[in-house]
Amino acid sequence: MQSGKGNTKKWILEFETQDTGVNPMMGWETSTDTMSEVKLEFDSKELAIHFAKKNNIEYYIIEPQKSKIVKKSYADNFIKNQ
């Protein structure tokens, strides 16, 4: 299975999860903070920064990293590397 690069040109503003805890019944991590479920998409980094500043939202930027493409053929799965 491969992950595609479609719809990866957007900048996303995500809120950090507040008030985390462990659900006593299931043992899962849980939170009462619904803002952690909100993700806003912007066409550019500048628009995302402008929105955060306008709404007094603290932010930090994670720049996208270049992915290294390793060209491989199907036959490479059966060749031993020495």
PDB file of N, CA and C in Angstrom:
ATOM      1  N   MET A   1       0.837  -1.173   0.000  1.00  0.00           N
ATOM      2  CA  MET A   1       0.000   0.000   0.000  1.00  0.00           C
ATOM      3  C   MET A   1       0.883   1.238   0.000  1.00  0.00           C
ATOM      4  N   GLN A   2       0.487   2.244  -0.744  1.00  0.00           N
ATOM      5  CA  GLN A   2       1.280   3.460  -0.840  1.00  0.00           C
ATOM      6  C   GLN A   2       0.422   4.662  -0.502  1.00  0.00           C
ATOM      7  N   SER A   3       1.042   5.623   0.131  1.00  0.00           N
ATOM      8  CA  SER A   3       0.347   6.862   0.429  1.00  0.00           C
ATOM      9  C   SER A   3       0.581   7.837  -0.710  1.00  0.00           C
ATOM     10  N   GLY A   4      -0.471   8.443  -1.201  1.00  0.00           N
ATOM     11  CA  GLY A   4      -0.343   9.399  -2.289  1.00  0.00           C
ATOM     12  C   GLY A   4      -0.018  10.787  -1.791  1.00  0.00           C
ATOM     13  N   LYS A   5       0.306  11.662  -2.709  1.00  0.00           N
ATOM     14  CA  LYS A   5       0.647  13.031  -2.360  1.00  0.00           C
ATOM     15  C   LYS A   5      -0.475  13.997  -2.693  1.00  0.00           C
ATOM     16  N   GLY A   6      -1.662  13.477  -3.055  1.00  0.00           N
ATOM     17  CA  GLY A   6      -2.796  14.338  -3.347  1.00  0.00           C
ATOM     18  C   GLY A   6      -3.256  15.075  -2.104  1.00  0.00           C
ATOM     19  N   ASN A   7      -3.740  16.279  -2.298  1.00  0.00           N
ATOM     20  CA  ASN A   7      -4.248  17.121  -1.202  1.00  0.00           C
ATOM     21  C   ASN A   7      -3.215  17.368  -0.114  1.00  0.00           C
ATOM     22  N   THR A   8      -1.947  17.520  -0.491  1.00  0.00           N
ATOM     23  CA  THR A   8      -0.911  17.783   0.504  1.00  0.00           C
ATOM     24  C   THR A   8      -0.359  19.199   0.382  1.00  0.00           C
ATOM     25  N   LYS A   9      -1.003  20.051  -0.371  1.00  0.00           N
ATOM     26  CA  LYS A   9      -0.510  21.415  -0.583  1.00  0.00           C
ATOM     27  C   LYS A   9      -1.123  22.421   0.377  1.00  0.00           C
ATOM     28  N   LYS A  10      -1.895  21.970   1.343  1.00  0.00           N
ATOM     29  CA  LYS A  10      -2.575  22.862   2.279  1.00  0.00           C
ATOM     30  C   LYS A  10      -1.786  22.976   3.575  1.00  0.00           C
ATOM     31  N   TRP A  11      -1.981  24.107   4.257  1.00  0.00           N
ATOM     32  CA  TRP A  11      -1.439  24.304   5.600  1.00  0.00           C
ATOM     33  C   TRP A  11      -2.562  24.038   6.584  1.00  0.00           C
ATOM     34  N   ILE A  12      -2.261  23.327   7.647  1.00  0.00           N
ATOM     35  CA  ILE A  12      -3.288  22.925   8.602  1.00  0.00           C
ATOM     36  C   ILE A  12      -2.995  23.541   9.966  1.00  0.00           C
ATOM     37  N   LEU A  13      -4.038  24.102  10.575  1.00  0.00           N
ATOM     38  CA  LEU A  13      -3.954  24.610  11.937  1.00  0.00           C
ATOM     39  C   LEU A  13      -4.682  23.608  12.822  1.00  0.00           C
ATOM     40  N   GLU A  14      -3.936  22.994  13.741  1.00  0.00           N
ATOM     41  CA  GLU A  14      -4.506  22.016  14.678  1.00  0.00           C
ATOM     42  C   GLU A  14      -4.339  22.534  16.094  1.00  0.00           C
ATOM     43  N   PHE A  15      -5.274  22.223  16.946  1.00  0.00           N
ATOM     44  CA  PHE A  15      -5.205  22.609  18.349  1.00  0.00           C
ATOM     45  C   PHE A  15      -4.651  21.446  19.156  1.00  0.00           C
ATOM     46  N   GLU A  16      -3.800  21.770  20.133  1.00  0.00           N
ATOM     47  CA  GLU A  16      -3.244  20.720  20.986  1.00  0.00           C
ATOM     48  C   GLU A  16      -4.309  20.242  21.959  1.00  0.00           C
ATOM     49  N   THR A  17      -4.245  18.986  22.319  1.00  0.00           N
ATOM     50  CA  THR A  17      -5.207  18.396  23.242  1.00  0.00           C
ATOM     51  C   THR A  17      -4.923  18.866  24.658  1.00  0.00           C
ATOM     52  N   GLN A  18      -5.956  19.345  25.320  1.00  0.00           N
ATOM     53  CA  GLN A  18      -5.861  19.799  26.711  1.00  0.00           C
ATOM     54  C   GLN A  18      -6.601  18.795  27.597  1.00  0.00           C
ATOM     55  N   ASP A  19      -6.303  18.792  28.869  1.00  0.00           N
ATOM     56  CA  ASP A  19      -7.009  17.976  29.863  1.00  0.00           C
ATOM     57  C   ASP A  19      -7.060  16.496  29.487  1.00  0.00           C
ATOM     58  N   THR A  20      -5.921  15.918  29.186  1.00  0.00           N
ATOM     59  CA  THR A  20      -5.900  14.496  28.846  1.00  0.00           C
ATOM     60  C   THR A  20      -5.972  13.651  30.111  1.00  0.00           C
ATOM     61  N   GLY A  21      -6.467  12.460  29.954  1.00  0.00           N
ATOM     62  CA  GLY A  21      -6.559  11.518  31.057  1.00  0.00           C
ATOM     63  C   GLY A  21      -6.787  10.127  30.499  1.00  0.00           C
ATOM     64  N   VAL A  22      -6.968   9.168  31.378  1.00  0.00           N
ATOM     65  CA  VAL A  22      -7.202   7.796  30.960  1.00  0.00           C
ATOM     66  C   VAL A  22      -8.636   7.427  31.315  1.00  0.00           C
ATOM     67  N   ASN A  23      -9.355   6.892  30.340  1.00  0.00           N
ATOM     68  CA  ASN A  23     -10.721   6.442  30.559  1.00  0.00           C
ATOM     69  C   ASN A  23     -10.663   5.216  31.472  1.00  0.00           C
ATOM     70  N   PRO A  24     -11.297   5.268  32.660  1.00  0.00           N
ATOM     71  CA  PRO A  24     -11.184   4.154  33.596  1.00  0.00           C
ATOM     72  C   PRO A  24     -11.844   2.868  33.114  1.00  0.00           C
ATOM     73  N   MET A  25     -12.836   2.992  32.262  1.00  0.00           N
ATOM     74  CA  MET A  25     -13.539   1.797  31.806  1.00  0.00           C
ATOM     75  C   MET A  25     -12.777   1.048  30.714  1.00  0.00           C
ATOM     76  N   MET A  26     -12.261   1.805  29.728  1.00  0.00           N
ATOM     77  CA  MET A  26     -11.601   1.165  28.592  1.00  0.00           C
ATOM     78  C   MET A  26     -10.071   1.226  28.656  1.00  0.00           C
ATOM     79  N   GLY A  27      -9.539   2.184  29.436  1.00  0.00           N
ATOM     80  CA  GLY A  27      -8.093   2.318  29.520  1.00  0.00           C
ATOM     81  C   GLY A  27      -7.508   3.154  28.397  1.00  0.00           C
ATOM     82  N   TRP A  28      -8.355   3.793  27.584  1.00  0.00           N
ATOM     83  CA  TRP A  28      -7.882   4.624  26.478  1.00  0.00           C
ATOM     84  C   TRP A  28      -7.592   6.018  26.972  1.00  0.00           C
ATOM     85  N   GLU A  29      -6.716   6.724  26.243  1.00  0.00           N
ATOM     86  CA  GLU A  29      -6.479   8.127  26.549  1.00  0.00           C
ATOM     87  C   GLU A  29      -7.694   8.921  26.097  1.00  0.00           C
ATOM     88  N   THR A  30      -8.128   9.854  26.931  1.00  0.00           N
ATOM     89  CA  THR A  30      -9.340  10.597  26.645  1.00  0.00           C
ATOM     90  C   THR A  30      -9.161  12.064  27.015  1.00  0.00           C
ATOM     91  N   SER A  31     -10.068  12.898  26.547  1.00  0.00           N
ATOM     92  CA  SER A  31     -10.037  14.318  26.852  1.00  0.00           C
ATOM     93  C   SER A  31     -11.440  14.887  26.736  1.00  0.00           C
ATOM     94  N   THR A  32     -11.724  15.900  27.518  1.00  0.00           N
ATOM     95  CA  THR A  32     -13.008  16.591  27.417  1.00  0.00           C
ATOM     96  C   THR A  32     -12.898  17.795  26.495  1.00  0.00           C
ATOM     97  N   ASP A  33     -11.702  18.045  25.979  1.00  0.00           N
ATOM     98  CA  ASP A  33     -11.445  19.189  25.110  1.00  0.00           C
ATOM     99  C   ASP A  33     -11.818  18.843  23.671  1.00  0.00           C
ATOM    100  N   THR A  34     -12.876  19.449  23.150  1.00  0.00           N
ATOM    101  CA  THR A  34     -13.308  19.153  21.785  1.00  0.00           C
ATOM    102  C   THR A  34     -12.534  19.943  20.731  1.00  0.00           C
ATOM    103  N   MET A  35     -11.772  20.951  21.148  1.00  0.00           N
ATOM    104  CA  MET A  35     -10.998  21.731  20.174  1.00  0.00           C
ATOM    105  C   MET A  35      -9.889  20.897  19.543  1.00  0.00           C
ATOM    106  N   SER A  36      -9.474  19.831  20.183  1.00  0.00           N
ATOM    107  CA  SER A  36      -8.428  18.991  19.605  1.00  0.00           C
ATOM    108  C   SER A  36      -8.919  18.263  18.361  1.00  0.00           C
ATOM    109  N   GLU A  37     -10.221  18.239  18.160  1.00  0.00           N
ATOM    110  CA  GLU A  37     -10.784  17.590  16.972  1.00  0.00           C
ATOM    111  C   GLU A  37     -10.903  18.532  15.786  1.00  0.00           C
ATOM    112  N   VAL A  38     -10.643  19.825  16.008  1.00  0.00           N
ATOM    113  CA  VAL A  38     -10.792  20.837  14.964  1.00  0.00           C
ATOM    114  C   VAL A  38      -9.498  20.961  14.179  1.00  0.00           C
ATOM    115  N   LYS A  39      -9.599  20.893  12.851  1.00  0.00           N
ATOM    116  CA  LYS A  39      -8.462  21.105  11.961  1.00  0.00           C
ATOM    117  C   LYS A  39      -8.905  22.080  10.881  1.00  0.00           C
ATOM    118  N   LEU A  40      -8.206  23.205  10.776  1.00  0.00           N
ATOM    119  CA  LEU A  40      -8.526  24.212   9.777  1.00  0.00           C
ATOM    120  C   LEU A  40      -7.480  24.177   8.680  1.00  0.00           C
ATOM    121  N   GLU A  41      -7.926  24.225   7.423  1.00  0.00           N
ATOM    122  CA  GLU A  41      -7.015  24.195   6.280  1.00  0.00           C
ATOM    123  C   GLU A  41      -6.898  25.578   5.661  1.00  0.00           C
ATOM    124  N   PHE A  42      -5.669  25.928   5.254  1.00  0.00           N
ATOM    125  CA  PHE A  42      -5.398  27.206   4.609  1.00  0.00           C
ATOM    126  C   PHE A  42      -4.576  26.950   3.350  1.00  0.00           C
ATOM    127  N   ASP A  43      -4.720  27.843   2.377  1.00  0.00           N
ATOM    128  CA  ASP A  43      -3.999  27.695   1.116  1.00  0.00           C
ATOM    129  C   ASP A  43      -2.526  28.084   1.231  1.00  0.00           C
ATOM    130  N   SER A  44      -2.178  28.900   2.221  1.00  0.00           N
ATOM    131  CA  SER A  44      -0.784  29.298   2.373  1.00  0.00           C
ATOM    132  C   SER A  44      -0.428  29.410   3.851  1.00  0.00           C
ATOM    133  N   LYS A  45       0.869  29.401   4.113  1.00  0.00           N
ATOM    134  CA  LYS A  45       1.358  29.533   5.482  1.00  0.00           C
ATOM    135  C   LYS A  45       1.020  30.914   6.032  1.00  0.00           C
ATOM    136  N   GLU A  46       1.101  31.933   5.178  1.00  0.00           N
ATOM    137  CA  GLU A  46       0.812  33.297   5.612  1.00  0.00           C
ATOM    138  C   GLU A  46      -0.640  33.456   6.062  1.00  0.00           C
ATOM    139  N   LEU A  47      -1.568  32.823   5.359  1.00  0.00           N
ATOM    140  CA  LEU A  47      -2.982  32.890   5.757  1.00  0.00           C
ATOM    141  C   LEU A  47      -3.208  32.209   7.104  1.00  0.00           C
ATOM    142  N   ALA A  48      -2.537  31.101   7.330  1.00  0.00           N
ATOM    143  CA  ALA A  48      -2.675  30.393   8.603  1.00  0.00           C
ATOM    144  C   ALA A  48      -2.125  31.240   9.753  1.00  0.00           C
ATOM    145  N   ILE A  49      -0.976  31.871   9.538  1.00  0.00           N
ATOM    146  CA  ILE A  49      -0.373  32.726  10.563  1.00  0.00           C
ATOM    147  C   ILE A  49      -1.266  33.930  10.838  1.00  0.00           C
ATOM    148  N   HIS A  50      -1.785  34.540   9.783  1.00  0.00           N
ATOM    149  CA  HIS A  50      -2.669  35.695   9.937  1.00  0.00           C
ATOM    150  C   HIS A  50      -3.906  35.324  10.758  1.00  0.00           C
ATOM    151  N   PHE A  51      -4.505  34.179  10.476  1.00  0.00           N
ATOM    152  CA  PHE A  51      -5.680  33.728  11.217  1.00  0.00           C
ATOM    153  C   PHE A  51      -5.348  33.527  12.698  1.00  0.00           C
ATOM    154  N   ALA A  52      -4.199  32.889  12.966  1.00  0.00           N
ATOM    155  CA  ALA A  52      -3.805  32.626  14.352  1.00  0.00           C
ATOM    156  C   ALA A  52      -3.560  33.931  15.103  1.00  0.00           C
ATOM    157  N   LYS A  53      -2.882  34.880  14.479  1.00  0.00           N
ATOM    158  CA  LYS A  53      -2.612  36.163  15.137  1.00  0.00           C
ATOM    159  C   LYS A  53      -3.900  36.944  15.358  1.00  0.00           C
ATOM    160  N   LYS A  54      -4.776  36.938  14.363  1.00  0.00           N
ATOM    161  CA  LYS A  54      -6.036  37.678  14.455  1.00  0.00           C
ATOM    162  C   LYS A  54      -6.911  37.157  15.596  1.00  0.00           C
ATOM    163  N   ASN A  55      -6.851  35.858  15.853  1.00  0.00           N
ATOM    164  CA  ASN A  55      -7.681  35.237  16.888  1.00  0.00           C
ATOM    165  C   ASN A  55      -6.912  34.944  18.182  1.00  0.00           C
ATOM    166  N   ASN A  56      -5.731  35.546  18.326  1.00  0.00           N
ATOM    167  CA  ASN A  56      -4.903  35.390  19.530  1.00  0.00           C
ATOM    168  C   ASN A  56      -4.652  33.927  19.888  1.00  0.00           C
ATOM    169  N   ILE A  57      -4.271  33.155  18.885  1.00  0.00           N
ATOM    170  CA  ILE A  57      -3.968  31.739  19.073  1.00  0.00           C
ATOM    171  C   ILE A  57      -2.450  31.573  19.055  1.00  0.00           C
ATOM    172  N   GLU A  58      -1.896  30.982  20.109  1.00  0.00           N
ATOM    173  CA  GLU A  58      -0.462  30.683  20.100  1.00  0.00           C
ATOM    174  C   GLU A  58      -0.212  29.591  19.073  1.00  0.00           C
ATOM    175  N   TYR A  59       0.878  29.711  18.332  1.00  0.00           N
ATOM    176  CA  TYR A  59       1.148  28.743  17.279  1.00  0.00           C
ATOM    177  C   TYR A  59       2.638  28.490  17.144  1.00  0.00           C
ATOM    178  N   TYR A  60       2.965  27.364  16.559  1.00  0.00           N
ATOM    179  CA  TYR A  60       4.315  27.089  16.104  1.00  0.00           C
ATOM    180  C   TYR A  60       4.196  26.391  14.761  1.00  0.00           C
ATOM    181  N   ILE A  61       5.224  26.536  13.964  1.00  0.00           N
ATOM    182  CA  ILE A  61       5.173  26.057  12.579  1.00  0.00           C
ATOM    183  C   ILE A  61       6.050  24.825  12.431  1.00  0.00           C
ATOM    184  N   ILE A  62       5.489  23.811  11.806  1.00  0.00           N
ATOM    185  CA  ILE A  62       6.255  22.627  11.444  1.00  0.00           C
ATOM    186  C   ILE A  62       6.361  22.638   9.918  1.00  0.00           C
ATOM    187  N   GLU A  63       7.544  22.916   9.430  1.00  0.00           N
ATOM    188  CA  GLU A  63       7.766  22.990   7.985  1.00  0.00           C
ATOM    189  C   GLU A  63       7.697  21.587   7.377  1.00  0.00           C
ATOM    190  N   PRO A  64       7.142  21.486   6.174  1.00  0.00           N
ATOM    191  CA  PRO A  64       7.118  20.169   5.511  1.00  0.00           C
ATOM    192  C   PRO A  64       8.533  19.734   5.154  1.00  0.00           C
ATOM    193  N   GLN A  65       8.768  18.447   5.255  1.00  0.00           N
ATOM    194  CA  GLN A  65      10.087  17.909   4.946  1.00  0.00           C
ATOM    195  C   GLN A  65      10.058  17.228   3.590  1.00  0.00           C
ATOM    196  N   LYS A  66      11.161  17.321   2.903  1.00  0.00           N
ATOM    197  CA  LYS A  66      11.278  16.660   1.605  1.00  0.00           C
ATOM    198  C   LYS A  66      11.348  15.151   1.821  1.00  0.00           C
ATOM    199  N   SER A  67      10.606  14.434   1.023  1.00  0.00           N
ATOM    200  CA  SER A  67      10.673  12.980   1.131  1.00  0.00           C
ATOM    201  C   SER A  67      11.686  12.453   0.123  1.00  0.00           C
ATOM    202  N   LYS A  68      12.428  11.479   0.555  1.00  0.00           N
ATOM    203  CA  LYS A  68      13.436  10.871  -0.308  1.00  0.00           C
ATOM    204  C   LYS A  68      12.775   9.740  -1.081  1.00  0.00           C
ATOM    205  N   ILE A  69      12.873   9.803  -2.383  1.00  0.00           N
ATOM    206  CA  ILE A  69      12.266   8.780  -3.231  1.00  0.00           C
ATOM    207  C   ILE A  69      13.322   7.741  -3.586  1.00  0.00           C
ATOM    208  N   VAL A  70      13.056   6.509  -3.222  1.00  0.00           N
ATOM    209  CA  VAL A  70      13.956   5.411  -3.556  1.00  0.00           C
ATOM    210  C   VAL A  70      13.294   4.620  -4.677  1.00  0.00           C
ATOM    211  N   LYS A  71      13.892   4.687  -5.850  1.00  0.00           N
ATOM    212  CA  LYS A  71      13.332   3.950  -6.974  1.00  0.00           C
ATOM    213  C   LYS A  71      13.679   2.477  -6.815  1.00  0.00           C
ATOM    214  N   LYS A  72      12.661   1.669  -6.962  1.00  0.00           N
ATOM    215  CA  LYS A  72      12.823   0.252  -6.738  1.00  0.00           C
ATOM    216  C   LYS A  72      11.952  -0.504  -7.729  1.00  0.00           C
ATOM    217  N   SER A  73      12.409  -1.638  -8.149  1.00  0.00           N
ATOM    218  CA  SER A  73      11.593  -2.470  -9.024  1.00  0.00           C
ATOM    219  C   SER A  73      11.057  -3.657  -8.216  1.00  0.00           C
ATOM    220  N   TYR A  74      10.081  -4.304  -8.733  1.00  0.00           N
ATOM    221  CA  TYR A  74       9.480  -5.457  -8.071  1.00  0.00           C
ATOM    222  C   TYR A  74      10.524  -6.555  -7.839  1.00  0.00           C
ATOM    223  N   ALA A  75      11.441  -6.697  -8.775  1.00  0.00           N
ATOM    224  CA  ALA A  75      12.459  -7.744  -8.670  1.00  0.00           C
ATOM    225  C   ALA A  75      13.390  -7.510  -7.474  1.00  0.00           C
ATOM    226  N   ASP A  76      13.526  -6.255  -7.038  1.00  0.00           N
ATOM    227  CA  ASP A  76      14.387  -5.963  -5.900  1.00  0.00           C
ATOM    228  C   ASP A  76      13.917  -6.635  -4.609  1.00  0.00           C
ATOM    229  N   ASN A  77      12.649  -7.018  -4.536  1.00  0.00           N
ATOM    230  CA  ASN A  77      12.146  -7.703  -3.358  1.00  0.00           C
ATOM    231  C   ASN A  77      12.754  -9.091  -3.210  1.00  0.00           C
ATOM    232  N   PHE A  78      13.290  -9.644  -4.271  1.00  0.00           N
ATOM    233  CA  PHE A  78      13.782 -11.013  -4.263  1.00  0.00           C
ATOM    234  C   PHE A  78      15.285 -11.112  -4.377  1.00  0.00           C
ATOM    235  N   ILE A  79      15.970  -9.971  -4.451  1.00  0.00           N
ATOM    236  CA  ILE A  79      17.423  -9.956  -4.566  1.00  0.00           C
ATOM    237  C   ILE A  79      17.994  -9.683  -3.186  1.00  0.00           C
ATOM    238  N   LYS A  80      18.938 -10.542  -2.768  1.00  0.00           N
ATOM    239  CA  LYS A  80      19.568 -10.345  -1.469  1.00  0.00           C
ATOM    240  C   LYS A  80      20.627  -9.252  -1.582  1.00  0.00           C
ATOM    241  N   ASN A  81      20.621  -8.330  -0.614  1.00  0.00           N
ATOM    242  CA  ASN A  81      21.659  -7.300  -0.555  1.00  0.00           C
ATOM    243  C   ASN A  81      22.834  -7.840   0.220  1.00  0.00           C
ATOM    244  N   GLN A  82      24.026  -7.711  -0.338  1.00  0.00           N
ATOM    245  CA  GLN A  82      25.218  -8.230   0.352  1.00  0.00           C
ATOM    246  C   GLN A  82      26.137  -7.113   0.728  1.00  0.00           C
TER     247      GLN A  82
END
